[in-house]
Protein backbone atom coordinates (compact mmCIF):
# COMPACT_ATOMS: atom_id res chain seq x y z
CA MET A 1 10.27 21.67 -4.73
CA ASP A 2 8.05 18.59 -5.11
CA LYS A 3 9.30 15.34 -3.67
CA LYS A 4 10.32 12.77 -6.27
CA LYS A 5 8.02 9.76 -6.32
CA VAL A 6 9.31 6.19 -6.41
CA LEU A 7 7.08 3.18 -7.07
CA ILE A 8 8.51 -0.14 -5.89
CA VAL A 9 6.89 -3.15 -7.59
CA THR A 10 8.05 -6.43 -6.07
CA GLN A 11 7.06 -10.08 -6.06
CA GLU A 12 8.16 -10.49 -2.43
CA MET A 13 9.03 -8.45 0.64
CA GLN A 14 9.91 -9.02 4.28
CA PRO A 15 8.08 -9.62 6.62
CA TYR A 16 5.29 -10.82 4.31
CA THR A 17 7.17 -13.20 2.01
CA ALA A 18 10.78 -14.39 2.09
CA LEU A 19 11.71 -16.50 -0.92
CA SER A 20 15.02 -14.94 -1.98
CA GLU A 21 17.33 -11.95 -1.61
CA ILE A 22 14.61 -9.81 -3.20
CA SER A 23 12.52 -9.84 -0.03
CA GLU A 24 15.22 -8.16 2.06
CA ILE A 25 16.15 -5.58 -0.60
CA ALA A 26 12.47 -4.73 -1.18
CA ARG A 27 12.05 -4.23 2.58
CA ARG A 28 15.06 -1.99 3.19
CA LEU A 29 15.10 0.05 -0.02
CA PRO A 30 11.74 1.90 0.17
CA GLN A 31 12.31 2.92 3.78
CA TYR A 32 15.81 4.19 2.97
CA VAL A 33 14.60 6.14 -0.07
CA GLN A 34 11.72 7.63 1.92
CA GLU A 35 14.04 8.65 4.74
CA ASN A 36 16.15 10.43 2.12
CA GLY A 37 13.34 12.70 1.03
CA MET A 38 11.44 10.82 -1.67
CA GLU A 39 7.81 9.72 -1.69
CA ILE A 40 7.24 5.96 -1.85
CA ARG A 41 4.52 3.49 -2.82
CA VAL A 42 5.05 -0.28 -2.66
CA LEU A 43 2.90 -2.83 -4.55
CA MET A 44 3.16 -6.61 -4.26
CA PRO A 45 0.96 -9.72 -4.67
CA ARG A 46 -1.15 -10.89 -1.73
CA PHE A 47 -0.06 -14.52 -1.79
CA GLY A 48 -2.07 -16.97 0.30
CA THR A 49 0.97 -17.58 2.49
CA ILE A 50 0.61 -14.05 3.93
CA ASN A 51 -1.22 -14.05 7.26
CA GLU A 52 -3.71 -11.17 6.94
CA ARG A 53 -4.55 -11.05 10.65
CA ARG A 54 -0.96 -11.08 11.86
CA HIS A 55 0.10 -8.40 9.37
CA ARG A 56 -3.15 -6.42 9.72
CA LEU A 57 -4.09 -6.26 6.08
CA HIS A 58 -7.38 -4.63 5.24
CA GLU A 59 -9.17 -3.90 1.99
CA VAL A 60 -9.00 -0.45 0.40
CA VAL A 61 -12.55 -0.25 -0.90
CA ARG A 62 -12.00 2.90 -3.00
CA LEU A 63 -9.23 1.12 -4.97
CA SER A 64 -10.87 -2.30 -5.25
CA GLY A 65 -13.58 -3.27 -7.70
CA MET A 66 -11.68 -3.15 -10.99
CA ASN A 67 -11.63 -6.14 -13.28
CA ILE A 68 -8.42 -7.20 -15.01
CA ILE A 69 -8.77 -9.14 -18.26
CA VAL A 70 -6.46 -12.13 -18.76
CA ASP A 71 -6.99 -14.28 -21.85
CA ASP A 72 -10.50 -12.81 -22.41
CA ASP A 73 -11.63 -13.61 -18.85
CA ASP A 74 -12.42 -10.97 -16.22
CA PHE A 75 -10.78 -11.30 -12.82
CA PRO A 76 -11.70 -8.96 -9.94
CA LEU A 77 -8.80 -7.01 -8.45
CA ILE A 78 -8.92 -6.52 -4.69
CA ILE A 79 -6.49 -4.03 -3.14
CA LYS A 80 -5.40 -4.44 0.47
CA VAL A 81 -3.02 -2.38 2.56
CA ALA A 82 -0.87 -2.82 5.66
CA SER A 83 1.43 -0.55 7.62
CA LEU A 84 5.01 -1.76 7.51
CA PRO A 85 6.28 -2.46 11.06
CA GLY A 86 9.07 -0.12 12.11
CA ALA A 87 8.53 2.27 9.20
CA ARG A 88 6.11 5.09 8.44
CA MET A 89 5.08 3.41 5.26
CA GLN A 90 2.23 1.44 3.77
CA VAL A 91 2.39 -1.58 1.48
CA TYR A 92 -0.38 -2.27 -1.04
CA PHE A 93 -1.28 -5.86 -1.90
CA LEU A 94 -2.97 -6.98 -5.12
CA ASP A 95 -5.31 -9.88 -4.49
CA ASN A 96 -7.56 -12.21 -6.45
CA GLU A 97 -9.04 -15.48 -5.24
CA ASP A 98 -8.31 -17.43 -8.45
CA PHE A 99 -4.65 -16.47 -8.55
CA PHE A 100 -3.49 -15.88 -5.00
CA LYS A 101 -5.61 -17.79 -2.50
CA ARG A 102 -3.51 -21.00 -2.61
CA LYS A 103 -1.17 -21.66 0.30
CA SER A 104 2.06 -21.68 -1.66
CA VAL A 105 3.65 -19.04 -3.85
CA PHE A 106 4.91 -20.28 -7.24
CA GLU A 107 5.07 -24.09 -6.93
CA ASP A 108 2.75 -26.88 -5.81
CA ASP A 109 3.53 -29.34 -2.99
CA LYS A 110 5.50 -31.51 -5.45
CA GLY A 111 7.76 -28.59 -6.35
CA GLN A 112 6.22 -28.13 -9.80
CA PRO A 113 5.55 -24.56 -11.03
CA PHE A 114 1.84 -23.73 -11.15
CA GLU A 115 0.42 -24.04 -14.65
CA ASP A 116 -1.13 -20.57 -14.39
CA ASN A 117 2.00 -18.67 -13.24
CA ALA A 118 2.01 -16.81 -16.57
CA ASP A 119 -1.62 -15.74 -16.08
CA ARG A 120 -0.86 -14.68 -12.50
CA MET A 121 2.03 -12.54 -13.72
CA ILE A 122 -0.07 -10.86 -16.43
CA PHE A 123 -2.82 -10.15 -13.88
CA PHE A 124 -0.33 -8.69 -11.41
CA CYS A 125 1.54 -6.48 -13.91
CA LYS A 126 -1.67 -5.08 -15.44
CA GLY A 127 -3.15 -4.68 -11.96
CA VAL A 128 -0.14 -2.68 -10.77
CA ILE A 129 -0.48 -0.17 -13.60
CA GLU A 130 -4.25 0.18 -13.22
CA THR A 131 -3.88 0.64 -9.45
CA VAL A 132 -1.31 3.42 -9.87
CA LYS A 133 -3.65 5.11 -12.35
CA LYS A 134 -6.38 4.91 -9.72
CA PHE A 135 -4.01 6.43 -7.13
CA GLY A 136 -3.65 9.41 -9.48
CA TRP A 137 0.00 9.38 -8.40
CA ALA A 138 2.62 9.93 -11.11
CA PRO A 139 5.87 8.07 -10.30
CA ASP A 140 9.20 9.53 -11.36
CA ILE A 141 10.85 6.12 -10.91
CA VAL A 142 9.20 2.70 -11.29
CA HIS A 143 11.56 0.06 -9.86
CA CYS A 144 10.63 -3.59 -10.58
CA HIS A 145 11.99 -6.50 -8.52
CA GLY A 146 11.64 -10.11 -9.65
CA TRP A 147 10.56 -11.99 -12.79
CA MET A 148 6.90 -11.62 -11.80
CA THR A 149 7.21 -7.87 -12.48
CA SER A 150 8.93 -8.33 -15.85
CA LEU A 151 5.97 -7.24 -17.99
CA VAL A 152 5.69 -3.85 -16.27
CA PRO A 153 8.49 -2.19 -18.34
CA PHE A 154 6.94 -3.55 -21.55
CA TYR A 155 3.40 -2.43 -20.74
CA LEU A 156 4.52 1.05 -19.66
CA LYS A 157 6.47 1.57 -22.91
CA THR A 158 3.79 0.14 -25.22
CA ALA A 159 0.16 -0.36 -24.14
CA TYR A 160 0.26 2.49 -21.58
CA ASN A 161 2.72 4.82 -23.29
CA LYS A 162 0.05 7.49 -23.81
CA GLU A 163 -1.01 7.53 -20.14
CA PRO A 164 -0.21 11.01 -18.77
CA ILE A 165 0.56 9.62 -15.31
CA PHE A 166 3.52 7.61 -16.64
CA GLN A 167 4.80 10.12 -19.22
CA ASN A 168 7.88 11.04 -17.20
CA SER A 169 8.44 7.72 -15.43
CA LYS A 170 11.89 6.14 -15.61
CA VAL A 171 11.58 2.35 -15.41
CA VAL A 172 14.32 0.46 -13.55
CA TYR A 173 14.49 -3.35 -13.62
CA SER A 174 16.55 -5.29 -11.08
CA LEU A 175 17.86 -8.48 -12.65
CA TYR A 176 18.02 -11.37 -10.16
CA ASP A 177 19.21 -14.91 -10.65
CA GLN A 178 15.80 -16.56 -10.85
CA SER A 179 12.87 -16.86 -13.23
CA LEU A 180 10.14 -19.36 -13.97
CA GLY A 181 9.77 -18.22 -17.57
CA ASN A 182 11.13 -21.51 -18.92
CA SER A 183 8.00 -23.21 -17.53
CA PHE A 184 5.64 -20.85 -19.38
CA PRO A 185 3.57 -22.21 -22.28
CA LYS A 186 3.79 -20.61 -25.74
CA SER A 187 0.27 -19.26 -25.20
CA PHE A 188 1.83 -16.75 -22.76
CA ILE A 189 2.78 -14.49 -25.67
CA ASP A 190 -0.81 -14.29 -26.92
CA LYS A 191 -2.23 -13.76 -23.42
CA ALA A 192 0.26 -10.99 -22.62
CA SER A 193 -0.62 -9.10 -25.82
CA ILE A 194 -3.07 -6.70 -24.16
CA ASN A 195 -4.72 -3.50 -25.38
CA ASN A 196 -4.40 -4.16 -29.12
CA LEU A 197 -0.76 -5.20 -28.90
CA ASP A 198 0.40 -7.91 -31.28
CA PRO A 199 2.22 -11.07 -30.17
CA GLU A 200 5.18 -9.86 -32.27
CA ASP A 201 5.48 -6.93 -29.86
CA LEU A 202 6.61 -9.46 -27.25
CA SER A 203 9.43 -10.90 -29.35
CA ALA A 204 11.94 -9.53 -26.81
CA TYR A 205 10.48 -11.97 -24.26
CA GLN A 206 11.60 -14.99 -26.29
CA ASN A 207 14.89 -16.56 -27.27
CA GLU A 208 15.84 -19.72 -29.10
CA SER A 209 15.14 -21.87 -26.01
CA GLY A 210 11.74 -20.42 -25.06
CA MET A 211 10.55 -17.59 -22.83
CA ALA A 212 13.16 -15.07 -21.66
CA LEU A 213 11.44 -12.77 -19.15
CA HIS A 214 14.59 -10.94 -18.06
CA LYS A 215 15.53 -10.29 -21.69
CA GLY A 216 12.16 -8.67 -22.35
CA ALA A 217 12.20 -6.59 -19.18
CA THR A 218 15.73 -5.28 -19.73
CA THR A 219 14.87 -4.44 -23.35
CA TYR A 220 12.06 -2.11 -22.29
CA ALA A 221 13.46 -0.72 -19.02
CA ASP A 222 15.26 2.63 -19.04
CA ALA A 223 17.94 1.30 -16.71
CA VAL A 224 18.96 -2.01 -15.14
CA ILE A 225 20.43 -3.04 -11.80
CA ARG A 226 22.30 -6.29 -11.28
CA GLY A 227 20.43 -7.53 -8.21
CA SER A 228 22.26 -10.87 -7.83
CA GLU A 229 26.03 -11.25 -7.74
CA ALA A 230 25.92 -14.45 -9.82
CA LEU A 231 23.74 -14.69 -12.94
CA GLU A 232 23.16 -17.35 -15.59
CA ALA A 233 25.40 -16.96 -18.65
CA SER A 234 22.49 -15.78 -20.81
CA ASN A 235 21.73 -12.99 -18.33
CA GLU A 236 25.41 -12.02 -18.11
CA ASP A 237 25.31 -11.62 -21.89
CA LEU A 238 22.19 -9.47 -21.58
CA LEU A 239 23.95 -7.03 -19.26
CA ASP A 240 27.11 -6.97 -21.37
CA ASN A 241 25.16 -5.93 -24.46
CA LEU A 242 22.83 -3.31 -22.99
CA GLU A 243 23.24 0.24 -24.23
CA LYS A 244 21.58 1.90 -21.26
CA PRO A 245 22.56 2.71 -17.68
CA VAL A 246 23.48 -0.42 -15.71
CA LEU A 247 24.32 -0.43 -12.01
CA GLU A 248 26.62 -3.32 -11.17
CA PHE A 249 26.02 -5.58 -8.16
CA LYS A 250 26.46 -3.91 -4.78
CA SER A 251 27.07 -5.63 -1.47
CA GLU A 252 24.66 -5.47 1.46
CA GLU A 253 26.60 -2.54 2.93
CA GLU A 254 26.69 -0.58 -0.35
CA TYR A 255 23.45 -1.03 -2.21
CA LEU A 256 21.10 1.40 -0.46
CA PRO A 257 23.09 4.61 -1.13
CA ALA A 258 24.12 3.26 -4.56
CA TYR A 259 20.50 2.67 -5.62
CA LEU A 260 19.48 6.13 -4.41
CA GLU A 261 22.35 7.72 -6.32
CA PHE A 262 21.35 5.71 -9.42
CA TYR A 263 17.78 7.05 -9.15
CA ILE A 264 19.07 10.62 -8.86
CA SER A 265 21.35 10.22 -11.89
CA LEU A 266 18.41 8.96 -13.99
CA LEU A 267 16.24 11.88 -12.90
CA GLU A 268 19.03 14.34 -13.70
CA GLN A 269 19.31 12.88 -17.22
CA GLU A 270 15.61 13.68 -17.70
CA VAL A 271 16.16 17.30 -16.61
CA GLU A 272 19.10 17.70 -19.02
CA LYS A 273 17.07 16.64 -22.06
């Protein structure tokens, strides 16, 4: 029997970046899932805060060289890879000088969100999908961690819904208590409308107060995990009203086996259809 394939898409991961609880979960989860018999790939941004020499990143020439279009401009996508210390696993990093060279992650030295965070997110989410296509590796589960991954469920269910490699993919979105969507300009909707999509297609990513990245992601995901114990009221309402599988928050001792069991239950649903 073929091993099930799990793609972890994350905005941060120990030991490379440590901004929130996501970094620890994204470090422990893929190793646990791999040790329990599944095949794993991990993709994340190569932020300028990541020390390439210390972590031994090197470019994967056969995967690099694509251009990703954001707002009618072409941006080269460079793919790098590193072996995760203490695990028989590799992590792939998506890099681009315009978006990721700066020496801080999402905010400038005055604590203000970067004006191009929306563009960086679009580049990353499109880049993830194009990279997996280039792998020629069809994931059974695509698990997204963090607001920066929130366009992946939408793109997989719309712009890329005819791609054979993703035909059987179940998309899981972990909802954490953070997002910079409220700092995004209205032009984000137009920029994110790729591959002949219309801005109206992104209506799920808006609410009365502006951009709602978690709302959009949970709308298009097949299943949702509460990644943070405490959530804003609007996100609590999101979870309460979802008519799809939701895994409630699990403590540090519980979440690894619970997430694996959740994956298996989603895959079994597919078999039953």
